Amino acid sequence: MPRYFFDTDNGDLQVEDDEGIELPDAEAARAIGVAALPDMARDSLPDGDQRTFAVRVRDEHGTVVYSASLDMAGEWHVPRAGA
């Protein structure tokens, strides 16, 4: 079974996966990569209102086979207390 590596970037920290996991194919790797994005956003709630979370999937040869990102954009529409 091929091994896939998941490099992540939460806007503050980039992590290059050096272990990877064995999966049946690139479609399975894509599904894991996409599913990781909302978890990354929940785990790293931004201090501000703008943040991009990204994942890059590499195969065992180092070739990027898939990448995805999730943009968080917040905007106040009413005055905030203390602002």
N, C-alpha and C. Protein backbone atom coordinates (compact mmCIF):
# COMPACT_ATOMS: atom_id res chain seq x y z
N MET A 1 0.84 -1.18 0.00
CA MET A 1 0.00 0.00 0.00
C MET A 1 0.89 1.24 0.00
N PRO A 2 0.52 2.25 -0.77
CA PRO A 2 1.33 3.47 -0.82
C PRO A 2 1.22 4.29 0.48
N ARG A 3 2.26 5.06 0.74
CA ARG A 3 2.31 5.92 1.93
C ARG A 3 2.09 7.37 1.48
N TYR A 4 1.27 8.09 2.25
CA TYR A 4 0.98 9.49 1.97
C TYR A 4 1.35 10.33 3.19
N PHE A 5 1.81 11.55 2.92
CA PHE A 5 2.27 12.48 3.95
C PHE A 5 1.40 13.73 3.90
N PHE A 6 1.06 14.26 5.09
CA PHE A 6 0.14 15.38 5.20
C PHE A 6 0.85 16.56 5.86
N ASP A 7 1.24 17.53 5.06
CA ASP A 7 1.88 18.74 5.56
C ASP A 7 0.78 19.76 5.85
N THR A 8 0.86 20.43 7.00
CA THR A 8 -0.20 21.35 7.39
C THR A 8 0.36 22.74 7.68
N ASP A 9 -0.53 23.72 7.56
CA ASP A 9 -0.18 25.11 7.84
C ASP A 9 -1.43 25.76 8.42
N ASN A 10 -1.33 26.25 9.67
CA ASN A 10 -2.48 26.88 10.30
C ASN A 10 -2.37 28.41 10.32
N GLY A 11 -1.45 28.95 9.56
CA GLY A 11 -1.25 30.39 9.52
C GLY A 11 -0.17 30.87 10.46
N ASP A 12 0.10 30.09 11.50
CA ASP A 12 1.18 30.40 12.45
C ASP A 12 2.28 29.36 12.40
N LEU A 13 1.90 28.12 12.14
CA LEU A 13 2.83 27.00 12.22
C LEU A 13 2.69 26.09 11.01
N GLN A 14 3.82 25.81 10.36
CA GLN A 14 3.85 24.86 9.26
C GLN A 14 4.51 23.58 9.77
N VAL A 15 3.84 22.45 9.51
CA VAL A 15 4.36 21.17 9.96
C VAL A 15 4.49 20.25 8.76
N GLU A 16 5.70 19.73 8.56
CA GLU A 16 5.94 18.77 7.48
C GLU A 16 5.90 17.37 8.07
N ASP A 17 4.99 16.56 7.56
CA ASP A 17 4.80 15.19 8.02
C ASP A 17 5.98 14.33 7.56
N ASP A 18 6.67 13.71 8.51
CA ASP A 18 7.78 12.85 8.13
C ASP A 18 7.49 11.37 8.40
N GLU A 19 6.27 11.06 8.84
CA GLU A 19 5.89 9.67 9.09
C GLU A 19 4.93 9.14 8.03
N GLY A 20 3.89 9.91 7.74
CA GLY A 20 2.90 9.49 6.76
C GLY A 20 2.08 8.31 7.24
N ILE A 21 1.11 7.94 6.42
CA ILE A 21 0.30 6.76 6.69
C ILE A 21 0.05 6.02 5.39
N GLU A 22 -0.10 4.71 5.51
CA GLU A 22 -0.40 3.89 4.35
C GLU A 22 -1.89 3.94 4.06
N LEU A 23 -2.21 4.20 2.81
CA LEU A 23 -3.60 4.28 2.37
C LEU A 23 -3.75 3.58 1.03
N PRO A 24 -4.97 3.18 0.69
CA PRO A 24 -5.15 2.44 -0.56
C PRO A 24 -4.85 3.24 -1.82
N ASP A 25 -5.15 4.57 -1.77
CA ASP A 25 -4.93 5.37 -2.98
C ASP A 25 -4.99 6.86 -2.65
N ALA A 26 -4.76 7.67 -3.68
CA ALA A 26 -4.75 9.12 -3.51
C ALA A 26 -6.13 9.66 -3.14
N GLU A 27 -7.20 9.02 -3.56
CA GLU A 27 -8.55 9.45 -3.17
C GLU A 27 -8.74 9.36 -1.67
N ALA A 28 -8.24 8.29 -1.07
CA ALA A 28 -8.34 8.14 0.39
C ALA A 28 -7.50 9.21 1.08
N ALA A 29 -6.34 9.51 0.52
CA ALA A 29 -5.48 10.55 1.09
C ALA A 29 -6.17 11.91 0.99
N ARG A 30 -6.81 12.18 -0.13
CA ARG A 30 -7.55 13.43 -0.31
C ARG A 30 -8.63 13.56 0.75
N ALA A 31 -9.39 12.50 0.98
CA ALA A 31 -10.48 12.53 1.96
C ALA A 31 -9.95 12.86 3.35
N ILE A 32 -8.83 12.30 3.73
CA ILE A 32 -8.24 12.58 5.04
C ILE A 32 -7.75 14.02 5.11
N GLY A 33 -7.13 14.49 4.05
CA GLY A 33 -6.64 15.86 4.02
C GLY A 33 -7.77 16.87 4.16
N VAL A 34 -8.85 16.67 3.42
CA VAL A 34 -9.99 17.59 3.47
C VAL A 34 -10.64 17.54 4.84
N ALA A 35 -10.77 16.36 5.41
CA ALA A 35 -11.40 16.22 6.73
C ALA A 35 -10.57 16.88 7.82
N ALA A 36 -9.27 17.00 7.62
CA ALA A 36 -8.40 17.60 8.64
C ALA A 36 -8.58 19.12 8.76
N LEU A 37 -9.03 19.77 7.71
CA LEU A 37 -9.11 21.24 7.72
C LEU A 37 -10.06 21.79 8.78
N PRO A 38 -11.29 21.31 8.91
CA PRO A 38 -12.15 21.86 9.97
C PRO A 38 -11.59 21.58 11.37
N ASP A 39 -10.94 20.43 11.55
CA ASP A 39 -10.31 20.13 12.85
C ASP A 39 -9.20 21.13 13.14
N MET A 40 -8.41 21.46 12.13
CA MET A 40 -7.34 22.44 12.31
C MET A 40 -7.92 23.78 12.72
N ALA A 41 -9.03 24.17 12.09
CA ALA A 41 -9.65 25.46 12.41
C ALA A 41 -10.17 25.46 13.84
N ARG A 42 -10.80 24.38 14.26
CA ARG A 42 -11.31 24.31 15.64
C ARG A 42 -10.18 24.32 16.65
N ASP A 43 -9.09 23.64 16.35
CA ASP A 43 -7.97 23.55 17.29
C ASP A 43 -7.14 24.82 17.37
N SER A 44 -7.22 25.67 16.35
CA SER A 44 -6.39 26.88 16.30
C SER A 44 -7.26 28.10 16.06
N LEU A 45 -8.24 28.31 16.91
CA LEU A 45 -9.08 29.48 16.72
C LEU A 45 -8.21 30.72 16.65
N PRO A 46 -8.33 31.48 15.60
CA PRO A 46 -7.44 32.62 15.41
C PRO A 46 -7.69 33.76 16.39
N ASP A 47 -6.61 34.49 16.67
CA ASP A 47 -6.72 35.69 17.50
C ASP A 47 -7.47 36.78 16.74
N GLY A 48 -7.26 36.83 15.45
CA GLY A 48 -7.94 37.82 14.61
C GLY A 48 -9.09 37.20 13.87
N ASP A 49 -9.53 37.87 12.84
CA ASP A 49 -10.68 37.39 12.08
C ASP A 49 -10.32 36.84 10.71
N GLN A 50 -9.05 36.75 10.42
CA GLN A 50 -8.62 36.25 9.11
C GLN A 50 -7.58 35.14 9.32
N ARG A 51 -7.81 34.00 8.71
CA ARG A 51 -6.83 32.91 8.82
C ARG A 51 -7.07 31.93 7.69
N THR A 52 -6.02 31.38 7.14
CA THR A 52 -6.11 30.32 6.14
C THR A 52 -5.46 29.07 6.71
N PHE A 53 -6.17 27.97 6.64
CA PHE A 53 -5.67 26.67 7.05
C PHE A 53 -5.44 25.86 5.78
N ALA A 54 -4.31 25.17 5.72
CA ALA A 54 -3.98 24.45 4.49
C ALA A 54 -3.39 23.08 4.79
N VAL A 55 -3.61 22.17 3.86
CA VAL A 55 -3.01 20.85 3.92
C VAL A 55 -2.49 20.51 2.52
N ARG A 56 -1.34 19.86 2.52
CA ARG A 56 -0.72 19.42 1.27
C ARG A 56 -0.43 17.94 1.42
N VAL A 57 -0.87 17.14 0.46
CA VAL A 57 -0.69 15.68 0.51
C VAL A 57 0.42 15.30 -0.47
N ARG A 58 1.43 14.63 0.05
CA ARG A 58 2.53 14.14 -0.79
C ARG A 58 2.52 12.62 -0.82
N ASP A 59 2.97 12.06 -1.96
CA ASP A 59 3.12 10.61 -2.02
C ASP A 59 4.50 10.22 -1.52
N GLU A 60 4.80 8.93 -1.56
CA GLU A 60 6.06 8.44 -1.00
C GLU A 60 7.29 8.89 -1.79
N HIS A 61 7.07 9.47 -2.96
CA HIS A 61 8.18 10.00 -3.76
C HIS A 61 8.37 11.50 -3.53
N GLY A 62 7.51 12.10 -2.70
CA GLY A 62 7.60 13.51 -2.42
C GLY A 62 6.78 14.39 -3.36
N THR A 63 6.07 13.76 -4.28
CA THR A 63 5.25 14.50 -5.23
C THR A 63 3.95 14.96 -4.55
N VAL A 64 3.63 16.23 -4.67
CA VAL A 64 2.37 16.73 -4.13
C VAL A 64 1.25 16.22 -5.03
N VAL A 65 0.34 15.44 -4.44
CA VAL A 65 -0.76 14.86 -5.22
C VAL A 65 -2.07 15.60 -4.99
N TYR A 66 -2.15 16.37 -3.91
CA TYR A 66 -3.39 17.10 -3.62
C TYR A 66 -3.08 18.19 -2.61
N SER A 67 -3.79 19.30 -2.71
CA SER A 67 -3.70 20.34 -1.69
C SER A 67 -5.06 21.00 -1.56
N ALA A 68 -5.33 21.50 -0.36
CA ALA A 68 -6.60 22.17 -0.10
C ALA A 68 -6.39 23.22 0.99
N SER A 69 -7.26 24.21 1.00
CA SER A 69 -7.19 25.22 2.04
C SER A 69 -8.60 25.61 2.47
N LEU A 70 -8.68 26.14 3.68
CA LEU A 70 -9.93 26.60 4.25
C LEU A 70 -9.68 28.00 4.78
N ASP A 71 -10.42 28.98 4.27
CA ASP A 71 -10.26 30.37 4.70
C ASP A 71 -11.30 30.71 5.75
N MET A 72 -10.83 31.32 6.84
CA MET A 72 -11.73 31.84 7.86
C MET A 72 -11.69 33.35 7.75
N ALA A 73 -12.85 33.96 7.58
CA ALA A 73 -12.93 35.42 7.48
C ALA A 73 -14.11 35.89 8.31
N GLY A 74 -13.81 36.69 9.31
CA GLY A 74 -14.85 37.23 10.17
C GLY A 74 -14.90 38.74 10.05
N GLU A 75 -16.08 39.29 10.27
CA GLU A 75 -16.25 40.73 10.17
C GLU A 75 -17.36 41.17 11.12
N TRP A 76 -17.07 42.14 11.96
CA TRP A 76 -18.07 42.70 12.86
C TRP A 76 -19.01 43.60 12.09
N HIS A 77 -20.31 43.54 12.42
CA HIS A 77 -21.32 44.39 11.77
C HIS A 77 -21.98 45.34 12.76
N VAL A 78 -21.59 45.22 14.02
CA VAL A 78 -22.10 46.11 15.07
C VAL A 78 -20.90 46.56 15.93
N PRO A 79 -21.03 47.69 16.60
CA PRO A 79 -19.93 48.12 17.47
C PRO A 79 -19.71 47.10 18.59
N ARG A 80 -18.44 46.91 18.94
CA ARG A 80 -18.08 46.00 20.02
C ARG A 80 -17.77 46.79 21.27
N ALA A 81 -18.10 46.21 22.40
CA ALA A 81 -17.76 46.84 23.68
C ALA A 81 -16.25 46.84 23.83
N GLY A 82 -15.69 47.96 24.24
CA GLY A 82 -14.25 48.05 24.45
C GLY A 82 -13.44 48.29 23.20
N ALA A 83 -14.09 48.42 22.04
CA ALA A 83 -13.34 48.63 20.81
C ALA A 83 -13.33 50.08 20.40
